[in-house]
Amino acid sequence: MSYKITDDCIMCGTCKEECPAEAINEGDPKYVIDPDKCTDCGTCAEVCPVEACVSE
């Protein structure tokens, strides 16, 4: 199971910088997580200031 980024994303980039699997990329209008690269570690959810990263 991977994580996803909700519409609450404020495009701050914190999740992308902290993702050890490099699974997060800038999208429009929010960042997106590649489910094939996501290792379900939860780092993105831990660092997101608006709780936009959630487990699917």
PDB file of N, CA and C in Angstrom:
ATOM      1  N   MET A   1       0.844  -1.176   0.000  1.00  0.00           N
ATOM      2  CA  MET A   1       0.000   0.000   0.000  1.00  0.00           C
ATOM      3  C   MET A   1       0.890   1.240   0.000  1.00  0.00           C
ATOM      4  N   SER A   2       0.587   2.175  -0.869  1.00  0.00           N
ATOM      5  CA  SER A   2       1.392   3.387  -0.942  1.00  0.00           C
ATOM      6  C   SER A   2       0.634   4.576  -0.361  1.00  0.00           C
ATOM      7  N   TYR A   3       1.334   5.678  -0.284  1.00  0.00           N
ATOM      8  CA  TYR A   3       0.727   6.920   0.184  1.00  0.00           C
ATOM      9  C   TYR A   3       0.257   7.725  -1.018  1.00  0.00           C
ATOM     10  N   LYS A   4      -0.638   8.651  -0.778  1.00  0.00           N
ATOM     11  CA  LYS A   4      -1.072   9.579  -1.815  1.00  0.00           C
ATOM     12  C   LYS A   4      -1.134  10.970  -1.204  1.00  0.00           C
ATOM     13  N   ILE A   5      -1.181  11.974  -2.057  1.00  0.00           N
ATOM     14  CA  ILE A   5      -1.243  13.359  -1.609  1.00  0.00           C
ATOM     15  C   ILE A   5      -2.616  13.917  -1.957  1.00  0.00           C
ATOM     16  N   THR A   6      -3.278  14.455  -0.967  1.00  0.00           N
ATOM     17  CA  THR A   6      -4.626  14.975  -1.149  1.00  0.00           C
ATOM     18  C   THR A   6      -4.604  16.396  -1.722  1.00  0.00           C
ATOM     19  N   ASP A   7      -5.784  16.910  -2.000  1.00  0.00           N
ATOM     20  CA  ASP A   7      -5.917  18.272  -2.522  1.00  0.00           C
ATOM     21  C   ASP A   7      -5.548  19.331  -1.491  1.00  0.00           C
ATOM     22  N   ASP A   8      -5.278  18.925  -0.254  1.00  0.00           N
ATOM     23  CA  ASP A   8      -4.855  19.867   0.783  1.00  0.00           C
ATOM     24  C   ASP A   8      -3.410  20.310   0.605  1.00  0.00           C
ATOM     25  N   CYS A   9      -2.688  19.688  -0.325  1.00  0.00           N
ATOM     26  CA  CYS A   9      -1.273  19.994  -0.582  1.00  0.00           C
ATOM     27  C   CYS A   9      -1.090  21.483  -0.882  1.00  0.00           C
ATOM     28  N   ILE A  10      -0.087  22.093  -0.222  1.00  0.00           N
ATOM     29  CA  ILE A  10       0.205  23.512  -0.431  1.00  0.00           C
ATOM     30  C   ILE A  10       1.480  23.714  -1.259  1.00  0.00           C
ATOM     31  N   MET A  11       1.990  22.638  -1.866  1.00  0.00           N
ATOM     32  CA  MET A  11       3.162  22.699  -2.752  1.00  0.00           C
ATOM     33  C   MET A  11       4.410  23.251  -2.056  1.00  0.00           C
ATOM     34  N   CYS A  12       4.607  22.914  -0.793  1.00  0.00           N
ATOM     35  CA  CYS A  12       5.769  23.424  -0.065  1.00  0.00           C
ATOM     36  C   CYS A  12       7.051  22.657  -0.412  1.00  0.00           C
ATOM     37  N   GLY A  13       6.919  21.407  -0.875  1.00  0.00           N
ATOM     38  CA  GLY A  13       8.079  20.611  -1.266  1.00  0.00           C
ATOM     39  C   GLY A  13       8.756  19.832  -0.159  1.00  0.00           C
ATOM     40  N   THR A  14       8.261  19.952   1.055  1.00  0.00           N
ATOM     41  CA  THR A  14       8.882  19.251   2.182  1.00  0.00           C
ATOM     42  C   THR A  14       8.870  17.744   1.974  1.00  0.00           C
ATOM     43  N   CYS A  15       7.772  17.205   1.512  1.00  0.00           N
ATOM     44  CA  CYS A  15       7.669  15.755   1.323  1.00  0.00           C
ATOM     45  C   CYS A  15       8.671  15.265   0.278  1.00  0.00           C
ATOM     46  N   LYS A  16       8.801  16.006  -0.818  1.00  0.00           N
ATOM     47  CA  LYS A  16       9.732  15.622  -1.881  1.00  0.00           C
ATOM     48  C   LYS A  16      11.165  15.590  -1.375  1.00  0.00           C
ATOM     49  N   GLU A  17      11.539  16.593  -0.601  1.00  0.00           N
ATOM     50  CA  GLU A  17      12.896  16.671  -0.074  1.00  0.00           C
ATOM     51  C   GLU A  17      13.214  15.524   0.887  1.00  0.00           C
ATOM     52  N   GLU A  18      12.218  15.062   1.627  1.00  0.00           N
ATOM     53  CA  GLU A  18      12.438  14.055   2.659  1.00  0.00           C
ATOM     54  C   GLU A  18      12.210  12.613   2.199  1.00  0.00           C
ATOM     55  N   CYS A  19      11.609  12.407   1.039  1.00  0.00           N
ATOM     56  CA  CYS A  19      11.283  11.047   0.581  1.00  0.00           C
ATOM     57  C   CYS A  19      12.545  10.250   0.259  1.00  0.00           C
ATOM     58  N   PRO A  20      12.824   9.176   1.022  1.00  0.00           N
ATOM     59  CA  PRO A  20      14.033   8.388   0.770  1.00  0.00           C
ATOM     60  C   PRO A  20      13.965   7.573  -0.519  1.00  0.00           C
ATOM     61  N   ALA A  21      12.770   7.335  -1.036  1.00  0.00           N
ATOM     62  CA  ALA A  21      12.611   6.539  -2.250  1.00  0.00           C
ATOM     63  C   ALA A  21      12.529   7.408  -3.511  1.00  0.00           C
ATOM     64  N   GLU A  22      12.585   8.727  -3.332  1.00  0.00           N
ATOM     65  CA  GLU A  22      12.457   9.665  -4.445  1.00  0.00           C
ATOM     66  C   GLU A  22      11.203   9.381  -5.267  1.00  0.00           C
ATOM     67  N   ALA A  23      10.102   9.120  -4.557  1.00  0.00           N
ATOM     68  CA  ALA A  23       8.845   8.754  -5.203  1.00  0.00           C
ATOM     69  C   ALA A  23       7.917   9.938  -5.419  1.00  0.00           C
ATOM     70  N   ILE A  24       8.302  11.115  -4.957  1.00  0.00           N
ATOM     71  CA  ILE A  24       7.419  12.275  -5.021  1.00  0.00           C
ATOM     72  C   ILE A  24       7.930  13.271  -6.059  1.00  0.00           C
ATOM     73  N   ASN A  25       7.003  13.721  -6.905  1.00  0.00           N
ATOM     74  CA  ASN A  25       7.335  14.679  -7.946  1.00  0.00           C
ATOM     75  C   ASN A  25       6.332  15.817  -7.956  1.00  0.00           C
ATOM     76  N   GLU A  26       6.788  16.958  -8.450  1.00  0.00           N
ATOM     77  CA  GLU A  26       5.907  18.116  -8.539  1.00  0.00           C
ATOM     78  C   GLU A  26       4.879  17.892  -9.632  1.00  0.00           C
ATOM     79  N   GLY A  27       3.636  18.067  -9.262  1.00  0.00           N
ATOM     80  CA  GLY A  27       2.551  17.955 -10.229  1.00  0.00           C
ATOM     81  C   GLY A  27       1.825  19.278 -10.323  1.00  0.00           C
ATOM     82  N   ASP A  28       0.662  19.253 -10.910  1.00  0.00           N
ATOM     83  CA  ASP A  28      -0.132  20.473 -11.026  1.00  0.00           C
ATOM     84  C   ASP A  28      -1.575  20.092 -10.750  1.00  0.00           C
ATOM     85  N   PRO A  29      -2.155  20.521  -9.694  1.00  0.00           N
ATOM     86  CA  PRO A  29      -1.773  21.614  -8.799  1.00  0.00           C
ATOM     87  C   PRO A  29      -1.168  21.140  -7.482  1.00  0.00           C
ATOM     88  N   LYS A  30      -0.723  19.896  -7.389  1.00  0.00           N
ATOM     89  CA  LYS A  30      -0.165  19.377  -6.143  1.00  0.00           C
ATOM     90  C   LYS A  30       0.947  18.382  -6.461  1.00  0.00           C
ATOM     91  N   TYR A  31       1.721  18.039  -5.446  1.00  0.00           N
ATOM     92  CA  TYR A  31       2.732  17.002  -5.612  1.00  0.00           C
ATOM     93  C   TYR A  31       2.040  15.650  -5.763  1.00  0.00           C
ATOM     94  N   VAL A  32       2.709  14.710  -6.427  1.00  0.00           N
ATOM     95  CA  VAL A  32       2.156  13.373  -6.628  1.00  0.00           C
ATOM     96  C   VAL A  32       3.186  12.326  -6.210  1.00  0.00           C
ATOM     97  N   ILE A  33       2.692  11.198  -5.740  1.00  0.00           N
ATOM     98  CA  ILE A  33       3.550  10.091  -5.315  1.00  0.00           C
ATOM     99  C   ILE A  33       3.417   8.955  -6.321  1.00  0.00           C
ATOM    100  N   ASP A  34       4.545   8.484  -6.825  1.00  0.00           N
ATOM    101  CA  ASP A  34       4.563   7.344  -7.744  1.00  0.00           C
ATOM    102  C   ASP A  34       4.366   6.079  -6.909  1.00  0.00           C
ATOM    103  N   PRO A  35       3.229   5.402  -7.065  1.00  0.00           N
ATOM    104  CA  PRO A  35       2.968   4.221  -6.233  1.00  0.00           C
ATOM    105  C   PRO A  35       3.942   3.072  -6.461  1.00  0.00           C
ATOM    106  N   ASP A  36       4.577   3.040  -7.633  1.00  0.00           N
ATOM    107  CA  ASP A  36       5.552   1.989  -7.919  1.00  0.00           C
ATOM    108  C   ASP A  36       6.869   2.212  -7.184  1.00  0.00           C
ATOM    109  N   LYS A  37       7.166   3.465  -6.831  1.00  0.00           N
ATOM    110  CA  LYS A  37       8.399   3.780  -6.110  1.00  0.00           C
ATOM    111  C   LYS A  37       8.188   3.886  -4.599  1.00  0.00           C
ATOM    112  N   CYS A  38       6.962   4.202  -4.182  1.00  0.00           N
ATOM    113  CA  CYS A  38       6.669   4.401  -2.756  1.00  0.00           C
ATOM    114  C   CYS A  38       6.910   3.116  -1.970  1.00  0.00           C
ATOM    115  N   THR A  39       7.652   3.225  -0.873  1.00  0.00           N
ATOM    116  CA  THR A  39       7.955   2.061  -0.035  1.00  0.00           C
ATOM    117  C   THR A  39       7.092   2.017   1.224  1.00  0.00           C
ATOM    118  N   ASP A  40       6.104   2.911   1.312  1.00  0.00           N
ATOM    119  CA  ASP A  40       5.160   2.947   2.431  1.00  0.00           C
ATOM    120  C   ASP A  40       5.856   3.220   3.762  1.00  0.00           C
ATOM    121  N   CYS A  41       6.897   4.041   3.729  1.00  0.00           N
ATOM    122  CA  CYS A  41       7.654   4.324   4.951  1.00  0.00           C
ATOM    123  C   CYS A  41       6.959   5.358   5.841  1.00  0.00           C
ATOM    124  N   GLY A  42       6.143   6.237   5.233  1.00  0.00           N
ATOM    125  CA  GLY A  42       5.414   7.230   6.016  1.00  0.00           C
ATOM    126  C   GLY A  42       6.167   8.513   6.303  1.00  0.00           C
ATOM    127  N   THR A  43       7.372   8.653   5.771  1.00  0.00           N
ATOM    128  CA  THR A  43       8.151   9.864   6.014  1.00  0.00           C
ATOM    129  C   THR A  43       7.405  11.100   5.522  1.00  0.00           C
ATOM    130  N   CYS A  44       6.777  11.006   4.377  1.00  0.00           N
ATOM    131  CA  CYS A  44       6.054  12.155   3.821  1.00  0.00           C
ATOM    132  C   CYS A  44       4.939  12.612   4.766  1.00  0.00           C
ATOM    133  N   ALA A  45       4.216  11.664   5.318  1.00  0.00           N
ATOM    134  CA  ALA A  45       3.125  12.000   6.237  1.00  0.00           C
ATOM    135  C   ALA A  45       3.661  12.633   7.519  1.00  0.00           C
ATOM    136  N   GLU A  46       4.820  12.183   7.960  1.00  0.00           N
ATOM    137  CA  GLU A  46       5.405  12.715   9.188  1.00  0.00           C
ATOM    138  C   GLU A  46       5.847  14.164   9.037  1.00  0.00           C
ATOM    139  N   VAL A  47       6.313  14.554   7.840  1.00  0.00           N
ATOM    140  CA  VAL A  47       6.854  15.901   7.658  1.00  0.00           C
ATOM    141  C   VAL A  47       5.873  16.895   7.043  1.00  0.00           C
ATOM    142  N   CYS A  48       4.771  16.432   6.509  1.00  0.00           N
ATOM    143  CA  CYS A  48       3.821  17.325   5.836  1.00  0.00           C
ATOM    144  C   CYS A  48       3.170  18.272   6.846  1.00  0.00           C
ATOM    145  N   PRO A  49       3.298  19.597   6.626  1.00  0.00           N
ATOM    146  CA  PRO A  49       2.748  20.561   7.584  1.00  0.00           C
ATOM    147  C   PRO A  49       1.228  20.669   7.561  1.00  0.00           C
ATOM    148  N   VAL A  50       0.599  20.168   6.503  1.00  0.00           N
ATOM    149  CA  VAL A  50      -0.870  20.271   6.405  1.00  0.00           C
ATOM    150  C   VAL A  50      -1.550  18.904   6.374  1.00  0.00           C
ATOM    151  N   GLU A  51      -0.795  17.851   6.662  1.00  0.00           N
ATOM    152  CA  GLU A  51      -1.309  16.482   6.699  1.00  0.00           C
ATOM    153  C   GLU A  51      -1.962  16.063   5.389  1.00  0.00           C
ATOM    154  N   ALA A  52      -1.321  16.444   4.260  1.00  0.00           N
ATOM    155  CA  ALA A  52      -1.861  16.114   2.938  1.00  0.00           C
ATOM    156  C   ALA A  52      -1.412  14.741   2.437  1.00  0.00           C
ATOM    157  N   CYS A  53      -0.428  14.139   3.083  1.00  0.00           N
ATOM    158  CA  CYS A  53       0.049  12.809   2.688  1.00  0.00           C
ATOM    159  C   CYS A  53      -0.674  11.773   3.549  1.00  0.00           C
ATOM    160  N   VAL A  54      -1.420  10.908   2.860  1.00  0.00           N
ATOM    161  CA  VAL A  54      -2.217   9.909   3.584  1.00  0.00           C
ATOM    162  C   VAL A  54      -2.006   8.525   2.990  1.00  0.00           C
ATOM    163  N   SER A  55      -2.186   7.523   3.815  1.00  0.00           N
ATOM    164  CA  SER A  55      -2.071   6.148   3.370  1.00  0.00           C
ATOM    165  C   SER A  55      -3.302   5.780   2.567  1.00  0.00           C
ATOM    166  N   GLU A  56      -3.084   5.113   1.434  1.00  0.00           N
ATOM    167  CA  GLU A  56      -4.224   4.697   0.587  1.00  0.00           C
ATOM    168  C   GLU A  56      -4.951   3.529   1.184  1.00  0.00           C
TER     169      GLU A  56
END
